[in-house]
Amino acid sequence: MRSRLLCLKMVLKLSRCNHCVTVSNSPDFAMVHKVAIVGGGSWGSALSVIVGESVESKKHLFDTTVKLWLLREEVNGGEDLAEVINRQHENVKYLPGIKLPKNIVASSDIALCVGDADILIMAVPQQFLAKTCENIVSKIKPTAIAVTTIKGIEVDEKRNMCVSSVIIQKILKIPVAALNGANIAPEVAEKHFCEATIGVQREQDGELLKQVFNIPTFHVNVVRDLHTVEYCGALKNVVACAAGLVDGLKFGTNTKSAVIRIGFLEMINFIKQFVGEPSMETFHESCGIADLIATCFSGRNRKVCEAFVQGGHTIEELEKELLGGQKLQGPYTAAQIYVALERRGLVDKYPLITTVHKICSQQWEPKKLIEILCSQK
């Protein structure tokens, strides 16, 4: 029997067609729901553009004020970033040039942001998720629902893999859904048409959560395949790193297309081996092949790994230089996955994921990627 390595026993018991947990709180369509976004980087800010417009047009379902939590940071020579956002309606550090809706209220007081929220949209980096959840566990409503937009994987102390929904559910003990898709943050914020996928555990959550995000320029589809949606979001970042390495090595579209194909197969095989038998239709959603293509031609993982090849800086240095200190998910996810693969003797089964880890951690030279591609049978 295939081993299934999700770190919570309750997840191990879930079948592919019934990702349900026993919880008492179901969404009430008769009430007005309050929404909070936890994380004010570029992605959290881009989401605030979508959510702010959506709730304003659906006052029968949502409170029109959306709270946005971000760490306290100083900009413009000492001003608090949250205060600047509330005055200028712009995240001048992480999403400059984009006007945020006036119903977005930013704060570095996390208790103030989450205390009365019925829907928590989680948009912090994977590396800081557990700590953030621990900080809010005593502050949130027990009837709240979380939507994770985080694309990463953690390996616990037993070297079992956990996606963000598992971490959130373990700490906060509330239902969790996931939103992923071909969504480059600046394009989302600029209202370029795009699609997204929400993966749910409970069928009754789907329609309400769709209404949180769905606007004419941001089309949302709901699937009851939570963990496939999440793992696609995490794994595509690793493949995008490989695409960036190809760009940095000055190879062309043919080579990048091969990387996308090989990476897509590794994604499918990985999910089958470690999660369970997925619905293949989920890979055809925005969270699957569409997100993979978008991220391999745009996005921060591709951009940083291209710069990494071109010389002289570590991934950590490039995060500071090119991302303003925001964290890159692809190399981190590749490193986390490699630990679990190595423990189980499966490194050779996933050559692209392994190669990305080895190169980004400076164990191998970037040109090794081409050697690995040429050696494929």
Protein backbone atom coordinates (compact mmCIF):
# COMPACT_ATOMS: atom_id res chain seq x y z
CA MET A 1 0.00 0.00 0.00
CA ARG A 2 1.25 3.43 -0.81
CA SER A 3 2.33 5.41 2.21
CA ARG A 4 0.43 8.59 2.81
CA LEU A 5 2.46 11.13 4.60
CA LEU A 6 0.16 13.88 5.78
CA CYS A 7 1.09 14.70 9.32
CA LEU A 8 -2.37 14.51 10.89
CA LYS A 9 -4.08 11.17 11.40
CA MET A 10 -7.43 12.68 10.56
CA VAL A 11 -6.14 13.60 7.10
CA LEU A 12 -4.77 10.13 6.53
CA LYS A 13 -8.27 8.75 7.01
CA LEU A 14 -9.79 10.96 4.31
CA SER A 15 -10.68 9.43 0.98
CA ARG A 16 -10.13 11.33 -2.22
CA CYS A 17 -13.85 11.88 -2.67
CA ASN A 18 -14.66 12.80 0.91
CA HIS A 19 -12.20 15.24 2.47
CA CYS A 20 -14.50 16.00 5.39
CA VAL A 21 -13.85 16.56 9.07
CA THR A 22 -16.37 16.57 11.85
CA VAL A 23 -17.06 20.16 12.79
CA SER A 24 -20.10 21.90 14.15
CA ASN A 25 -19.91 25.26 12.40
CA SER A 26 -21.49 25.59 8.96
CA PRO A 27 -21.82 28.87 7.04
CA ASP A 28 -25.03 30.75 7.68
CA PHE A 29 -26.27 32.56 4.58
CA ALA A 30 -28.74 34.54 6.67
CA MET A 31 -25.99 36.40 8.52
CA VAL A 32 -23.63 39.13 7.37
CA HIS A 33 -20.08 37.78 7.41
CA LYS A 34 -16.96 39.75 8.33
CA VAL A 35 -13.79 39.08 6.36
CA ALA A 36 -10.17 39.57 7.43
CA ILE A 37 -6.98 39.07 5.43
CA VAL A 38 -3.99 37.87 7.46
CA GLY A 39 -0.87 38.97 5.60
CA GLY A 40 -0.20 42.29 3.89
CA GLY A 41 2.51 41.44 1.38
CA SER A 42 2.00 41.72 -2.37
CA TRP A 43 -0.36 38.74 -2.54
CA GLY A 44 -2.43 39.70 0.49
CA SER A 45 -2.71 43.24 -0.86
CA ALA A 46 -3.70 42.01 -4.32
CA LEU A 47 -6.38 39.83 -2.73
CA SER A 48 -7.66 42.85 -0.85
CA VAL A 49 -8.43 44.52 -4.19
CA ILE A 50 -10.59 41.54 -5.19
CA VAL A 51 -12.22 40.96 -1.83
CA GLY A 52 -12.82 44.65 -1.21
CA GLU A 53 -14.76 44.97 -4.48
CA SER A 54 -16.59 41.69 -3.95
CA VAL A 55 -17.95 42.40 -0.47
CA GLU A 56 -18.96 45.93 -1.43
CA SER A 57 -21.25 44.49 -4.09
CA LYS A 58 -22.74 41.79 -1.81
CA LYS A 59 -23.89 43.66 1.27
CA HIS A 60 -26.53 41.03 1.94
CA LEU A 61 -23.74 38.52 2.61
CA PHE A 62 -20.75 40.50 3.87
CA ASP A 63 -19.78 43.41 6.07
CA THR A 64 -18.26 45.91 3.66
CA THR A 65 -15.17 46.61 5.81
CA VAL A 66 -12.29 44.20 5.21
CA LYS A 67 -9.47 44.24 7.74
CA LEU A 68 -5.91 43.65 6.51
CA TRP A 69 -3.27 42.59 9.01
CA LEU A 70 0.41 43.19 8.34
CA LEU A 71 3.54 43.31 10.43
CA ARG A 72 4.50 46.73 11.73
CA GLU A 73 6.98 48.24 9.25
CA GLU A 74 8.24 51.74 8.69
CA VAL A 75 8.28 53.41 5.29
CA ASN A 76 8.87 56.94 4.00
CA GLY A 77 11.45 57.66 6.67
CA GLY A 78 9.56 56.41 9.69
CA GLU A 79 5.84 56.25 8.91
CA ASP A 80 3.89 53.14 9.90
CA LEU A 81 3.03 51.19 6.74
CA ALA A 82 -0.51 50.41 7.94
CA GLU A 83 -1.20 54.11 8.49
CA VAL A 84 0.13 54.92 5.01
CA ILE A 85 -2.14 52.27 3.49
CA ASN A 86 -5.18 53.69 5.28
CA ARG A 87 -4.35 57.25 4.22
CA GLN A 88 -3.20 56.65 0.64
CA HIS A 89 -5.09 53.40 -0.08
CA GLU A 90 -1.89 51.90 -1.44
CA ASN A 91 0.65 49.40 -0.14
CA VAL A 92 3.63 51.55 -1.11
CA LYS A 93 6.16 48.87 -0.16
CA TYR A 94 4.77 45.60 -1.49
CA LEU A 95 2.26 46.63 -4.18
CA PRO A 96 3.20 50.17 -5.25
CA GLY A 97 1.13 51.97 -7.85
CA ILE A 98 -2.06 49.98 -7.15
CA LYS A 99 -4.98 51.65 -5.42
CA LEU A 100 -6.65 49.51 -2.77
CA PRO A 101 -10.39 49.85 -2.18
CA LYS A 102 -11.35 52.39 0.45
CA ASN A 103 -13.12 49.68 2.48
CA ILE A 104 -9.76 48.00 3.22
CA VAL A 105 -8.59 48.91 6.72
CA ALA A 106 -4.98 47.96 7.51
CA SER A 107 -3.60 47.36 11.00
CA SER A 108 -0.57 45.79 12.67
CA ASP A 109 -2.82 44.80 15.61
CA ILE A 110 -3.61 41.19 14.80
CA ALA A 111 -6.22 40.79 17.54
CA LEU A 112 -8.13 43.79 16.18
CA CYS A 113 -8.09 42.31 12.67
CA VAL A 114 -9.15 38.75 13.39
CA GLY A 115 -11.22 39.03 16.56
CA ASP A 116 -14.63 39.44 14.93
CA ALA A 117 -13.91 37.81 11.55
CA ASP A 118 -16.10 35.01 10.25
CA ILE A 119 -13.79 34.31 7.30
CA LEU A 120 -10.00 34.41 7.69
CA ILE A 121 -7.99 34.64 4.48
CA MET A 122 -4.48 33.43 5.28
CA ALA A 123 -1.78 35.05 3.12
CA VAL A 124 1.42 34.89 5.18
CA PRO A 125 4.53 33.04 3.97
CA GLN A 126 4.52 29.30 4.71
CA GLN A 127 7.57 29.74 6.96
CA PHE A 128 5.58 31.96 9.35
CA LEU A 129 2.21 30.23 9.23
CA ALA A 130 2.43 28.12 12.40
CA LYS A 131 3.65 31.04 14.50
CA THR A 132 0.90 33.29 13.12
CA CYS A 133 -1.75 30.68 13.93
CA GLU A 134 -0.40 30.30 17.46
CA ASN A 135 -0.66 34.07 17.88
CA ILE A 136 -4.34 34.17 16.92
CA VAL A 137 -5.69 30.89 18.27
CA SER A 138 -7.10 32.51 21.41
CA LYS A 139 -8.35 35.56 19.53
CA ILE A 140 -10.54 34.17 16.74
CA LYS A 141 -14.22 33.20 16.78
CA PRO A 142 -14.69 29.42 17.19
CA THR A 143 -17.19 29.53 14.33
CA ALA A 144 -14.73 31.08 11.85
CA ILE A 145 -13.70 29.50 8.56
CA ALA A 146 -10.17 29.86 7.14
CA VAL A 147 -9.16 30.10 3.50
CA THR A 148 -5.47 29.44 2.92
CA THR A 149 -3.84 31.08 -0.09
CA ILE A 150 -0.40 29.84 0.97
CA LYS A 151 1.57 27.71 -1.48
CA GLY A 152 4.07 25.63 0.44
CA ILE A 153 4.86 22.43 2.31
CA GLU A 154 6.35 21.92 5.77
CA VAL A 155 8.12 18.83 7.10
CA ASP A 156 7.47 18.20 10.78
CA GLU A 157 9.85 16.79 13.38
CA LYS A 158 8.99 13.26 12.20
CA ARG A 159 9.71 14.25 8.59
CA ASN A 160 6.10 13.95 7.57
CA MET A 161 4.81 16.52 5.07
CA CYS A 162 2.08 19.01 5.94
CA VAL A 163 0.34 21.51 3.70
CA SER A 164 -0.95 24.77 5.13
CA SER A 165 -4.55 23.60 5.69
CA VAL A 166 -3.29 20.84 7.96
CA ILE A 167 -1.24 23.29 10.03
CA ILE A 168 -4.14 25.74 10.30
CA GLN A 169 -6.62 23.05 11.24
CA LYS A 170 -4.30 21.52 13.80
CA ILE A 171 -3.70 24.82 15.60
CA LEU A 172 -6.92 26.78 15.09
CA LYS A 173 -9.31 23.80 14.99
CA ILE A 174 -11.61 25.41 12.44
CA PRO A 175 -12.63 24.32 8.92
CA VAL A 176 -10.18 25.24 6.16
CA ALA A 177 -10.46 25.69 2.39
CA ALA A 178 -7.73 26.65 -0.11
CA LEU A 179 -7.61 29.18 -2.94
CA ASN A 180 -5.01 28.67 -5.66
CA GLY A 181 -4.74 29.44 -9.34
CA ALA A 182 -2.92 31.20 -12.15
CA ASN A 183 -2.80 34.44 -10.23
CA ILE A 184 0.25 36.70 -10.61
CA ALA A 185 -0.31 39.30 -7.87
CA PRO A 186 0.17 42.57 -9.84
CA GLU A 187 -2.08 41.30 -12.65
CA VAL A 188 -4.78 40.31 -10.17
CA ALA A 189 -4.57 43.75 -8.57
CA GLU A 190 -4.74 45.47 -11.95
CA LYS A 191 -7.96 43.55 -12.72
CA HIS A 192 -6.58 41.51 -15.62
CA PHE A 193 -9.01 38.66 -16.16
CA CYS A 194 -7.98 35.47 -14.39
CA GLU A 195 -9.38 32.34 -12.82
CA ALA A 196 -8.86 30.61 -9.48
CA THR A 197 -9.84 27.37 -7.78
CA ILE A 198 -11.17 26.91 -4.27
CA GLY A 199 -10.68 23.45 -2.78
CA VAL A 200 -13.05 22.66 0.08
CA GLN A 201 -13.44 19.96 2.68
CA ARG A 202 -17.11 20.60 3.25
CA GLU A 203 -19.41 21.03 0.30
CA GLN A 204 -21.54 23.59 2.16
CA ASP A 205 -18.59 26.01 2.39
CA GLY A 206 -18.05 26.23 -1.35
CA GLU A 207 -20.72 28.70 -2.43
CA LEU A 208 -20.13 31.18 0.41
CA LEU A 209 -16.36 31.20 -0.11
CA LYS A 210 -16.80 31.56 -3.86
CA GLN A 211 -18.84 34.71 -3.21
CA VAL A 212 -15.98 36.20 -1.15
CA PHE A 213 -13.70 36.28 -4.20
CA ASN A 214 -15.83 36.01 -7.33
CA ILE A 215 -16.02 39.23 -9.37
CA PRO A 216 -16.18 39.76 -13.16
CA THR A 217 -12.37 39.83 -13.54
CA PHE A 218 -11.68 37.02 -11.05
CA HIS A 219 -13.64 33.87 -11.81
CA VAL A 220 -13.67 31.17 -9.14
CA ASN A 221 -14.53 27.49 -9.46
CA VAL A 222 -15.03 25.22 -6.44
CA VAL A 223 -13.83 21.60 -6.21
CA ARG A 224 -14.08 19.15 -3.34
CA ASP A 225 -10.44 18.16 -3.60
CA LEU A 226 -8.71 20.33 -1.03
CA HIS A 227 -5.32 18.67 -0.80
CA THR A 228 -4.77 18.34 -4.55
CA VAL A 229 -5.46 22.08 -4.88
CA GLU A 230 -2.93 22.79 -2.15
CA TYR A 231 -0.19 20.45 -3.33
CA CYS A 232 -0.48 21.79 -6.88
CA GLY A 233 0.08 25.28 -5.52
CA ALA A 234 3.17 24.21 -3.60
CA LEU A 235 4.77 21.98 -6.20
CA LYS A 236 4.37 24.34 -9.15
CA ASN A 237 6.67 26.82 -7.37
CA VAL A 238 9.46 24.24 -7.48
CA VAL A 239 8.92 23.67 -11.21
CA ALA A 240 8.91 27.46 -11.73
CA CYS A 241 12.35 27.58 -10.12
CA ALA A 242 13.55 25.12 -12.74
CA ALA A 243 12.02 27.32 -15.44
CA GLY A 244 13.91 30.30 -14.03
CA LEU A 245 17.14 28.33 -14.06
CA VAL A 246 16.53 27.53 -17.73
CA ASP A 247 16.07 31.24 -18.45
CA GLY A 248 19.22 32.11 -16.53
CA LEU A 249 21.18 29.52 -18.50
CA LYS A 250 19.92 31.18 -21.72
CA PHE A 251 18.07 28.14 -23.02
CA GLY A 252 14.86 28.72 -24.93
CA THR A 253 11.18 27.89 -25.06
CA ASN A 254 11.72 24.26 -26.08
CA THR A 255 13.77 23.55 -22.97
CA LYS A 256 11.36 25.39 -20.71
CA SER A 257 8.43 23.49 -22.22
CA ALA A 258 10.21 20.23 -21.46
CA VAL A 259 10.74 21.36 -17.86
CA ILE A 260 7.03 22.18 -17.56
CA ARG A 261 6.05 18.75 -18.94
CA ILE A 262 8.47 16.83 -16.72
CA GLY A 263 7.54 18.94 -13.72
CA PHE A 264 3.83 18.43 -14.29
CA LEU A 265 4.31 14.66 -14.31
CA GLU A 266 6.34 14.82 -11.09
CA MET A 267 3.55 16.89 -9.53
CA ILE A 268 0.92 14.30 -10.44
CA ASN A 269 3.07 11.36 -9.33
CA PHE A 270 3.97 13.09 -6.08
CA ILE A 271 0.34 13.76 -5.19
CA LYS A 272 -0.66 10.19 -6.06
CA GLN A 273 2.14 8.78 -3.93
CA PHE A 274 1.89 10.98 -0.87
CA VAL A 275 -1.68 12.25 -0.74
CA GLY A 276 -3.91 9.66 -2.35
CA GLU A 277 -5.71 9.19 -5.63
CA PRO A 278 -6.59 12.70 -6.84
CA SER A 279 -9.38 13.69 -9.16
CA MET A 280 -7.56 14.18 -12.46
CA GLU A 281 -10.06 16.91 -13.31
CA THR A 282 -8.49 19.07 -10.60
CA PHE A 283 -5.25 19.24 -12.61
CA HIS A 284 -7.26 20.82 -15.44
CA GLU A 285 -8.47 23.60 -13.14
CA SER A 286 -6.72 26.95 -12.73
CA CYS A 287 -4.86 25.56 -9.70
CA GLY A 288 -3.27 22.88 -11.89
CA ILE A 289 -1.85 23.27 -15.37
CA ALA A 290 -2.84 26.94 -15.69
CA ASP A 291 -1.02 27.98 -12.51
CA LEU A 292 2.01 25.94 -13.53
CA ILE A 293 2.25 27.66 -16.93
CA ALA A 294 1.72 31.15 -15.49
CA THR A 295 4.34 30.67 -12.79
CA CYS A 296 6.92 29.24 -15.19
CA PHE A 297 6.69 32.33 -17.41
CA SER A 298 6.09 34.97 -14.73
CA GLY A 299 6.21 35.24 -10.98
CA ARG A 300 8.85 35.63 -8.35
CA ASN A 301 10.21 32.05 -8.29
CA ARG A 302 11.13 32.20 -11.98
CA LYS A 303 12.49 35.74 -11.65
CA VAL A 304 14.72 35.06 -8.65
CA CYS A 305 16.09 31.77 -9.99
CA GLU A 306 16.98 33.41 -13.29
CA ALA A 307 18.92 36.08 -11.36
CA PHE A 308 20.50 33.36 -9.21
CA VAL A 309 22.07 31.76 -12.29
CA GLN A 310 23.34 35.07 -13.56
CA GLY A 311 25.59 35.25 -10.63
CA GLY A 312 27.04 36.27 -7.36
CA HIS A 313 24.14 36.10 -4.93
CA THR A 314 22.41 33.54 -2.75
CA ILE A 315 18.65 33.02 -2.84
CA GLU A 316 18.39 34.83 0.52
CA GLU A 317 20.28 37.85 -0.82
CA LEU A 318 18.06 37.97 -3.90
CA GLU A 319 14.93 37.86 -1.74
CA LYS A 320 16.09 41.08 -0.12
CA GLU A 321 17.25 42.69 -3.36
CA LEU A 322 14.41 41.72 -5.70
CA LEU A 323 11.47 41.03 -3.38
CA GLY A 324 11.96 43.66 -0.70
CA GLY A 325 12.55 40.92 1.88
CA GLN A 326 9.48 38.85 0.98
CA LYS A 327 10.10 35.12 1.12
CA LEU A 328 10.38 32.85 -1.90
CA GLN A 329 8.38 29.62 -1.63
CA GLY A 330 9.94 27.43 -4.34
CA PRO A 331 13.43 26.78 -2.93
CA TYR A 332 12.02 26.41 0.59
CA THR A 333 9.40 23.90 -0.58
CA ALA A 334 12.00 21.94 -2.58
CA ALA A 335 14.21 21.71 0.50
CA GLN A 336 11.32 20.54 2.67
CA ILE A 337 10.26 17.90 0.15
CA TYR A 338 13.83 16.67 -0.31
CA VAL A 339 14.08 15.83 3.40
CA ALA A 340 11.04 13.58 3.15
CA LEU A 341 12.13 12.01 -0.14
CA GLU A 342 15.62 11.25 1.16
CA ARG A 343 14.23 9.61 4.28
CA ARG A 344 12.18 7.25 2.14
CA GLY A 345 14.76 6.55 -0.56
CA LEU A 346 12.69 8.26 -3.25
CA VAL A 347 15.09 10.98 -4.39
CA ASP A 348 15.71 9.29 -7.76
CA LYS A 349 11.97 9.19 -8.47
CA TYR A 350 11.76 12.99 -8.52
CA PRO A 351 14.84 14.24 -10.41
CA LEU A 352 13.50 17.73 -11.16
CA ILE A 353 12.49 18.49 -7.56
CA THR A 354 15.82 17.09 -6.35
CA THR A 355 17.80 19.13 -8.88
CA VAL A 356 16.07 22.39 -7.94
CA HIS A 357 16.91 21.78 -4.28
CA LYS A 358 20.54 20.92 -4.97
CA ILE A 359 21.08 23.96 -7.19
CA CYS A 360 19.23 26.49 -5.02
CA SER A 361 21.14 25.29 -1.95
CA GLN A 362 24.39 25.71 -3.92
CA GLN A 363 25.32 22.03 -3.76
CA TRP A 364 25.23 21.76 -7.57
CA GLU A 365 26.04 24.20 -10.34
CA PRO A 366 23.01 25.45 -12.34
CA LYS A 367 24.24 23.72 -15.53
CA LYS A 368 23.58 20.40 -13.76
CA LEU A 369 19.89 20.92 -14.61
CA ILE A 370 20.61 20.47 -18.32
CA GLU A 371 22.65 17.33 -17.62
CA ILE A 372 19.72 15.90 -15.66
CA LEU A 373 17.28 16.75 -18.46
CA CYS A 374 19.51 15.16 -21.10
CA SER A 375 19.85 11.97 -19.04
CA GLN A 376 16.07 11.40 -18.88
CA LYS A 377 15.01 8.10 -20.47
